[in-house]
Amino acid sequence: MSKILKSLQIVTQSFTGTPTTGTGVVFASGSRVYFENTAGIPQPLGGPGYIRVLEYTGSAVGSGVTQSYTWTKPTNIRYIQVICVGGGGGGGGGVLRAQSIQLSGGAGGGGGAIVWGLFDRTDLTQDSYAISVGAGGAGGAGRITVAAGGTGANGGYTTFGGTLVSASGGSGGIGGSTGTNAGGAGGSGINSRPGPVFTIPGTLGGATAVAANTAPLSMFSTPLTVGGCAGGGGGAGRNNAGVDVTALTGSSGFEWNTLKLNNSVLGGTGSNNLVTTAVLLQFTSSIFTTTYGLGGGGNGGSGSIVGGIVTSQRGGNAGLYGAGGGGASPQQGSGPTPPSQPGGSGSSGLCIVVEYY
């Protein structure tokens, strides 16, 4: 059985002449793994037979900056596995209205898509490939004059080699208004490459309504039903009977047998690395731990009533990586003060390249 080493090197093939019987020890030296028998004679296992994991992260939440990198093909590479995660969409901003009846909160932003690609060295005809890690979408604007809240921006695409591997970002959530708003759509499998077979669409953002909210799904509801990157929660609202509608928390995650709960504080920032990247890699039968993972969705703003006046709370930002921001709750007033609050920003995407030697 292959053993995972701290240097992320594992045996992938046996060297001719390796003893099939007897006892000894296995140790790593440089880029190779060796077997030393009871006579003290070391023999190499593999030639060199190891892997290397490269991780390319995006920009800080709310920066809107796309990060660019270059991957250079090593001369002795056998094949590579590429995982791209699109950026999350921003949550919808809060509505500002003079009346307090029937006001919806901003909808949550959708999570980015997750896309895989596997390429033999003969497929890699270029010496290097550009990597672009999409930014998370900015949250929709709050208002200083009577108006619906701004719609959150879409998350950016994360790509390897242009369209060789391309993961679409989640859609921004609709801003708060006097009607019913659906949550932002998750990153599309149809618009990704090499999908849709190797694509998991992002999770929907939380819908917001004047009567009831629809919660976003968990990222991994079961090992067989995958929802993609987390959506943000919808902001609180108020129905036409003047009854407050509770805000939603962003998506949680499911790591096979363990539910990874997101931050439960309404208006709070989503959890970082909620689902480790090891879970992503299990879909391709490569099981090893990496530094970065998927984040939880930002939580919707809860809102409150002070002296009969509805007050706005900002939507929570998404956790790193690939998650959608939360929607903001409404504000009662006539402007320019007090203003409604903006939605939370989505988080950037992520790209992982696994090199096999």
Protein backbone atom coordinates (compact mmCIF):
# COMPACT_ATOMS: atom_id res chain seq x y z
CA MET A 1 0.00 0.00 0.00
CA SER A 2 1.32 3.45 -0.89
CA LYS A 3 2.18 5.65 2.04
CA ILE A 4 1.62 9.40 2.05
CA LEU A 5 4.77 11.22 3.06
CA LYS A 6 5.14 14.72 4.44
CA SER A 7 6.74 15.74 1.15
CA LEU A 8 3.57 14.55 -0.67
CA GLN A 9 5.55 11.87 -2.52
CA ILE A 10 4.09 8.39 -2.92
CA VAL A 11 5.16 5.20 -4.66
CA THR A 12 3.40 4.74 -8.00
CA GLN A 13 5.37 1.86 -9.53
CA SER A 14 7.77 -0.93 -8.48
CA PHE A 15 11.41 -1.13 -9.47
CA THR A 16 12.49 -4.32 -11.28
CA GLY A 17 14.24 -6.62 -8.85
CA THR A 18 12.49 -5.39 -5.73
CA PRO A 19 12.39 -8.25 -3.20
CA THR A 20 8.99 -9.91 -2.97
CA THR A 21 9.76 -11.61 0.34
CA GLY A 22 11.63 -10.81 3.52
CA THR A 23 11.54 -7.84 5.89
CA GLY A 24 13.05 -4.38 5.86
CA VAL A 25 12.27 -0.69 6.05
CA VAL A 26 10.92 1.91 3.60
CA PHE A 27 12.35 5.43 3.67
CA ALA A 28 12.41 8.58 1.54
CA SER A 29 15.54 10.32 0.29
CA GLY A 30 15.38 13.28 -2.09
CA SER A 31 12.67 12.63 -4.65
CA ARG A 32 12.77 8.83 -4.34
CA VAL A 33 11.49 6.15 -1.99
CA TYR A 34 13.76 3.23 -1.04
CA PHE A 35 13.42 -0.24 0.48
CA GLU A 36 16.31 -1.39 2.67
CA ASN A 37 16.47 -5.13 3.38
CA THR A 38 17.86 -6.87 6.46
CA ALA A 39 21.30 -6.97 4.84
CA GLY A 40 21.34 -3.14 4.79
CA ILE A 41 21.16 -2.90 0.98
CA PRO A 42 18.83 -0.04 -0.23
CA GLN A 43 16.89 -0.49 -3.46
CA PRO A 44 14.81 2.24 -5.16
CA LEU A 45 11.03 1.81 -5.38
CA GLY A 46 9.79 3.49 -8.53
CA GLY A 47 11.56 5.59 -11.04
CA PRO A 48 11.09 8.08 -9.44
CA GLY A 49 7.34 7.39 -8.97
CA TYR A 50 6.01 10.31 -6.94
CA ILE A 51 3.49 13.12 -7.12
CA ARG A 52 3.61 16.84 -6.49
CA VAL A 53 0.64 19.03 -5.55
CA LEU A 54 0.54 22.68 -6.60
CA GLU A 55 -2.15 25.01 -5.25
CA TYR A 56 -3.11 28.37 -6.76
CA THR A 57 -5.32 30.54 -4.58
CA GLY A 58 -7.40 33.59 -5.42
CA SER A 59 -7.60 37.11 -4.04
CA ALA A 60 -9.01 38.24 -0.70
CA VAL A 61 -12.78 38.33 -0.33
CA GLY A 62 -14.20 41.60 -1.66
CA SER A 63 -11.08 42.63 -3.61
CA GLY A 64 -12.51 41.74 -7.02
CA VAL A 65 -9.02 40.91 -8.31
CA THR A 66 -8.37 37.97 -10.63
CA GLN A 67 -5.10 36.20 -9.82
CA SER A 68 -2.90 35.01 -12.70
CA TYR A 69 -0.25 32.28 -12.65
CA THR A 70 1.77 30.16 -15.09
CA TRP A 71 2.23 26.39 -14.88
CA THR A 72 5.38 25.12 -16.63
CA LYS A 73 5.42 21.50 -17.84
CA PRO A 74 8.27 19.49 -16.28
CA THR A 75 10.30 17.39 -18.71
CA ASN A 76 9.66 14.11 -16.84
CA ILE A 77 5.94 14.54 -16.16
CA ARG A 78 3.69 11.53 -16.85
CA TYR A 79 0.27 13.16 -16.55
CA ILE A 80 -1.54 15.83 -14.56
CA GLN A 81 -4.86 16.20 -12.84
CA VAL A 82 -6.39 19.70 -12.70
CA ILE A 83 -9.17 20.81 -10.35
CA CYS A 84 -10.67 24.27 -10.92
CA VAL A 85 -13.18 25.96 -8.59
CA GLY A 86 -15.09 29.03 -9.77
CA GLY A 87 -15.58 32.15 -7.62
CA GLY A 88 -18.76 32.62 -5.57
CA GLY A 89 -21.41 35.21 -6.39
CA GLY A 90 -22.11 38.23 -4.21
CA GLY A 91 -25.24 38.51 -2.07
CA GLY A 92 -28.02 40.98 -2.83
CA GLY A 93 -28.09 44.37 -1.13
CA GLY A 94 -30.86 45.58 1.17
CA VAL A 95 -33.93 47.47 -0.04
CA LEU A 96 -34.74 50.95 1.35
CA ARG A 97 -38.45 51.75 1.64
CA ALA A 98 -40.51 54.20 3.64
CA GLN A 99 -43.03 51.51 4.61
CA SER A 100 -42.13 48.49 6.69
CA ILE A 101 -44.69 46.03 5.28
CA GLN A 102 -43.70 43.41 2.67
CA LEU A 103 -39.98 43.96 2.35
CA SER A 104 -37.74 41.13 1.19
CA GLY A 105 -34.10 40.73 2.07
CA GLY A 106 -31.35 40.31 -0.51
CA ALA A 107 -30.87 36.81 -1.91
CA GLY A 108 -27.69 34.82 -1.31
CA GLY A 109 -25.05 34.44 -4.04
CA GLY A 110 -24.50 31.07 -5.73
CA GLY A 111 -21.41 28.91 -5.24
CA GLY A 112 -18.85 28.28 -7.99
CA ALA A 113 -18.65 25.12 -10.09
CA ILE A 114 -16.03 22.41 -9.51
CA VAL A 115 -14.38 20.97 -12.63
CA TRP A 116 -11.81 18.19 -13.16
CA GLY A 117 -9.49 17.45 -16.06
CA LEU A 118 -6.96 14.63 -16.52
CA PHE A 119 -4.25 14.97 -19.16
CA ASP A 120 -1.48 12.68 -20.38
CA ARG A 121 1.86 14.29 -21.20
CA THR A 122 1.09 13.83 -24.91
CA ASP A 123 -2.01 16.02 -24.43
CA LEU A 124 0.14 18.83 -23.06
CA THR A 125 1.49 20.25 -26.31
CA GLN A 126 2.61 23.56 -24.81
CA ASP A 127 5.61 24.23 -22.58
CA SER A 128 3.49 26.28 -20.20
CA TYR A 129 -0.15 27.04 -19.46
CA ALA A 130 -1.82 30.12 -18.02
CA ILE A 131 -3.89 29.80 -14.85
CA SER A 132 -6.54 32.36 -13.95
CA VAL A 133 -8.24 32.17 -10.55
CA GLY A 134 -11.56 34.02 -10.59
CA ALA A 135 -12.45 36.62 -8.00
CA GLY A 136 -15.56 36.40 -5.86
CA GLY A 137 -18.43 38.65 -6.87
CA ALA A 138 -18.93 41.86 -4.90
CA GLY A 139 -22.05 42.15 -2.76
CA GLY A 140 -24.95 44.17 -4.14
CA ALA A 141 -25.09 47.81 -3.12
CA GLY A 142 -27.14 49.17 -0.26
CA ARG A 143 -29.23 52.31 -0.87
CA ILE A 144 -29.23 55.87 0.43
CA THR A 145 -32.43 56.72 -1.46
CA VAL A 146 -35.66 54.73 -1.74
CA ALA A 147 -34.91 51.84 -4.12
CA ALA A 148 -34.46 48.09 -4.41
CA GLY A 149 -31.14 46.70 -3.24
CA GLY A 150 -28.37 46.15 -5.76
CA THR A 151 -27.84 42.70 -7.30
CA GLY A 152 -24.62 40.95 -6.32
CA ALA A 153 -21.90 40.52 -8.97
CA ASN A 154 -21.20 37.13 -10.52
CA GLY A 155 -18.16 35.17 -9.43
CA GLY A 156 -15.30 34.90 -11.92
CA TYR A 157 -14.22 31.88 -13.96
CA THR A 158 -11.21 29.85 -12.85
CA THR A 159 -9.33 28.44 -15.84
CA PHE A 160 -6.31 26.33 -16.74
CA GLY A 161 -4.97 26.83 -20.26
CA GLY A 162 -7.89 29.06 -21.25
CA THR A 163 -10.72 26.64 -22.00
CA LEU A 164 -8.76 23.43 -21.35
CA VAL A 165 -10.26 23.36 -17.86
CA SER A 166 -12.75 26.09 -17.00
CA ALA A 167 -15.02 26.40 -13.93
CA SER A 168 -17.77 29.00 -14.05
CA GLY A 169 -18.49 31.30 -11.12
CA GLY A 170 -21.75 31.50 -9.17
CA SER A 171 -24.36 34.14 -9.99
CA GLY A 172 -25.01 37.12 -7.75
CA GLY A 173 -28.12 37.21 -5.58
CA ILE A 174 -30.99 39.57 -6.43
CA GLY A 175 -31.24 42.67 -4.26
CA GLY A 176 -34.00 43.12 -1.72
CA SER A 177 -37.33 44.60 -2.86
CA THR A 178 -41.05 44.40 -2.14
CA GLY A 179 -41.42 41.08 -3.98
CA THR A 180 -40.00 37.59 -3.86
CA ASN A 181 -36.40 36.99 -4.91
CA ALA A 182 -34.77 33.72 -5.86
CA GLY A 183 -31.25 32.98 -4.69
CA GLY A 184 -28.32 33.34 -7.07
CA ALA A 185 -27.73 30.35 -9.36
CA GLY A 186 -24.70 28.19 -8.72
CA GLY A 187 -21.84 27.98 -11.19
CA SER A 188 -23.06 26.20 -14.32
CA GLY A 189 -21.82 22.80 -15.47
CA ILE A 190 -22.91 23.54 -19.03
CA ASN A 191 -20.71 26.64 -19.24
CA SER A 192 -17.67 24.85 -17.82
CA ARG A 193 -14.99 22.69 -19.49
CA PRO A 194 -14.45 19.75 -19.72
CA GLY A 195 -17.98 19.41 -18.25
CA PRO A 196 -20.67 18.52 -17.84
CA VAL A 197 -19.47 14.94 -17.13
CA PHE A 198 -16.56 16.15 -15.01
CA THR A 199 -18.38 19.13 -13.48
CA ILE A 200 -20.36 19.65 -10.29
CA PRO A 201 -22.53 22.80 -10.52
CA GLY A 202 -22.40 25.22 -7.61
CA THR A 203 -25.07 25.29 -4.91
CA LEU A 204 -27.91 27.82 -5.20
CA GLY A 205 -27.90 30.85 -2.95
CA GLY A 206 -30.65 31.17 -0.35
CA ALA A 207 -33.90 32.57 -1.73
CA THR A 208 -35.62 35.41 0.07
CA ALA A 209 -39.36 35.95 0.22
CA VAL A 210 -41.87 38.06 2.10
CA ALA A 211 -43.51 34.93 3.49
CA ALA A 212 -40.82 32.28 3.80
CA ASN A 213 -37.22 31.73 2.81
CA THR A 214 -35.83 28.72 0.99
CA ALA A 215 -32.58 27.55 2.55
CA PRO A 216 -29.56 26.82 0.35
CA LEU A 217 -28.50 23.20 0.18
CA SER A 218 -25.47 21.79 1.91
CA MET A 219 -22.42 21.40 -0.31
CA PHE A 220 -22.26 17.63 0.11
CA SER A 221 -25.67 16.45 1.27
CA THR A 222 -24.65 12.81 0.90
CA PRO A 223 -21.58 11.13 -0.59
CA LEU A 224 -23.64 10.41 -3.71
CA THR A 225 -25.52 13.71 -4.03
CA VAL A 226 -23.11 16.57 -4.49
CA GLY A 227 -24.23 20.20 -4.46
CA GLY A 228 -20.99 21.94 -5.38
CA CYS A 229 -19.58 25.01 -3.65
CA ALA A 230 -21.66 26.66 -0.96
CA GLY A 231 -24.36 29.25 -1.61
CA GLY A 232 -24.91 32.26 0.64
CA GLY A 233 -27.92 32.68 2.90
CA GLY A 234 -30.86 34.95 2.13
CA GLY A 235 -31.42 38.13 4.13
CA ALA A 236 -34.31 38.60 6.54
CA GLY A 237 -37.58 40.03 5.25
CA ARG A 238 -41.01 41.22 6.41
CA ASN A 239 -44.29 39.91 5.06
CA ASN A 240 -47.41 41.90 4.24
CA ALA A 241 -48.80 41.24 7.70
CA GLY A 242 -45.84 43.02 9.24
CA VAL A 243 -44.33 39.78 10.52
CA ASP A 244 -40.57 39.39 10.33
CA VAL A 245 -39.11 36.59 8.21
CA THR A 246 -35.96 34.99 9.61
CA ALA A 247 -32.66 35.29 7.76
CA LEU A 248 -30.82 32.21 6.52
CA THR A 249 -27.35 30.92 7.19
CA GLY A 250 -25.18 29.98 4.21
CA SER A 251 -24.61 26.39 3.10
CA SER A 252 -22.85 23.94 5.35
CA GLY A 253 -20.70 21.12 4.07
CA PHE A 254 -20.72 17.34 4.24
CA GLU A 255 -17.38 15.57 4.46
CA TRP A 256 -18.52 12.00 3.80
CA ASN A 257 -19.61 10.99 7.30
CA THR A 258 -19.12 14.29 9.11
CA LEU A 259 -21.34 17.35 8.70
CA LYS A 260 -19.16 20.47 8.63
CA LEU A 261 -21.32 23.24 10.09
CA ASN A 262 -20.90 26.78 8.87
CA ASN A 263 -20.83 29.81 11.16
CA SER A 264 -24.31 30.06 12.71
CA VAL A 265 -24.22 33.81 13.47
CA LEU A 266 -26.66 35.66 11.18
CA GLY A 267 -24.82 38.25 9.12
CA GLY A 268 -21.58 36.42 9.92
CA THR A 269 -18.75 35.46 7.58
CA GLY A 270 -18.71 31.92 6.22
CA SER A 271 -16.17 29.44 7.53
CA ASN A 272 -12.87 29.06 5.67
CA ASN A 273 -11.78 25.63 4.36
CA LEU A 274 -15.01 24.10 5.57
CA VAL A 275 -14.63 21.08 3.30
CA THR A 276 -11.02 20.07 2.73
CA THR A 277 -9.70 19.58 -0.75
CA ALA A 278 -9.05 15.93 0.10
CA VAL A 279 -12.79 15.44 -0.39
CA LEU A 280 -12.57 16.92 -3.89
CA LEU A 281 -9.76 14.60 -4.79
CA GLN A 282 -11.63 11.52 -3.58
CA PHE A 283 -13.85 11.87 -6.64
CA THR A 284 -10.84 10.93 -8.74
CA SER A 285 -9.47 8.21 -6.42
CA SER A 286 -6.52 10.35 -5.33
CA ILE A 287 -6.63 10.62 -1.56
CA PHE A 288 -4.23 13.01 0.12
CA THR A 289 -4.56 16.19 2.12
CA THR A 290 -3.85 19.63 0.73
CA THR A 291 -3.65 23.00 2.44
CA TYR A 292 -6.78 24.61 1.06
CA GLY A 293 -10.44 23.63 0.80
CA LEU A 294 -13.91 24.98 0.10
CA GLY A 295 -15.52 27.68 2.23
CA GLY A 296 -18.99 28.06 3.72
CA GLY A 297 -21.56 30.51 2.39
CA GLY A 298 -21.94 33.94 3.95
CA ASN A 299 -24.96 34.27 6.23
CA GLY A 300 -27.94 36.52 5.52
CA GLY A 301 -28.41 39.73 7.46
CA SER A 302 -30.95 39.25 10.27
CA GLY A 303 -32.41 42.75 10.60
CA SER A 304 -34.18 44.07 13.67
CA ILE A 305 -36.97 46.41 14.72
CA VAL A 306 -36.08 49.36 16.93
CA GLY A 307 -38.95 51.64 17.94
CA GLY A 308 -41.13 50.16 15.19
CA ILE A 309 -38.47 50.86 12.53
CA VAL A 310 -36.95 48.04 10.47
CA THR A 311 -33.14 48.30 10.43
CA SER A 312 -30.78 46.75 7.90
CA GLN A 313 -27.91 44.36 8.55
CA ARG A 314 -25.18 43.66 6.05
CA GLY A 315 -24.94 40.20 4.47
CA GLY A 316 -21.98 38.11 5.58
CA ASN A 317 -18.99 37.58 3.32
CA ALA A 318 -18.31 34.06 2.06
CA GLY A 319 -15.59 31.83 3.47
CA LEU A 320 -12.65 30.80 1.29
CA TYR A 321 -12.95 29.25 -1.33
CA GLY A 322 -15.68 29.24 -4.01
CA ALA A 323 -18.65 30.22 -1.82
CA GLY A 324 -21.42 32.81 -2.25
CA GLY A 325 -22.05 35.85 -0.08
CA GLY A 326 -25.13 36.43 2.09
CA GLY A 327 -27.98 38.82 1.34
CA ALA A 328 -28.66 41.98 3.38
CA SER A 329 -31.89 42.69 5.25
CA PRO A 330 -34.18 45.69 4.49
CA GLN A 331 -34.14 49.22 5.89
CA GLN A 332 -37.17 51.38 6.65
CA GLY A 333 -36.72 55.07 5.92
CA SER A 334 -36.95 57.71 3.22
CA GLY A 335 -33.25 58.45 2.68
CA PRO A 336 -30.60 59.66 2.61
CA THR A 337 -30.25 58.29 6.16
CA PRO A 338 -30.35 55.69 7.46
CA PRO A 339 -29.09 53.74 4.41
CA SER A 340 -29.67 50.07 3.72
CA GLN A 341 -26.67 47.75 3.90
CA PRO A 342 -24.84 45.92 1.07
CA GLY A 343 -24.79 42.19 0.50
CA GLY A 344 -21.77 40.07 1.42
CA SER A 345 -19.08 39.37 -1.17
CA GLY A 346 -18.43 35.93 -2.62
CA SER A 347 -15.04 34.28 -2.19
CA SER A 348 -12.48 33.65 -4.91
CA GLY A 349 -11.94 30.40 -6.77
CA LEU A 350 -9.14 27.88 -6.42
CA CYS A 351 -6.98 25.81 -8.78
CA ILE A 352 -5.06 22.63 -7.88
CA VAL A 353 -2.64 20.87 -10.20
CA VAL A 354 -1.52 17.35 -9.25
CA GLU A 355 1.61 16.26 -11.12
CA TYR A 356 2.32 12.53 -11.54
CA TYR A 357 5.91 11.42 -12.27
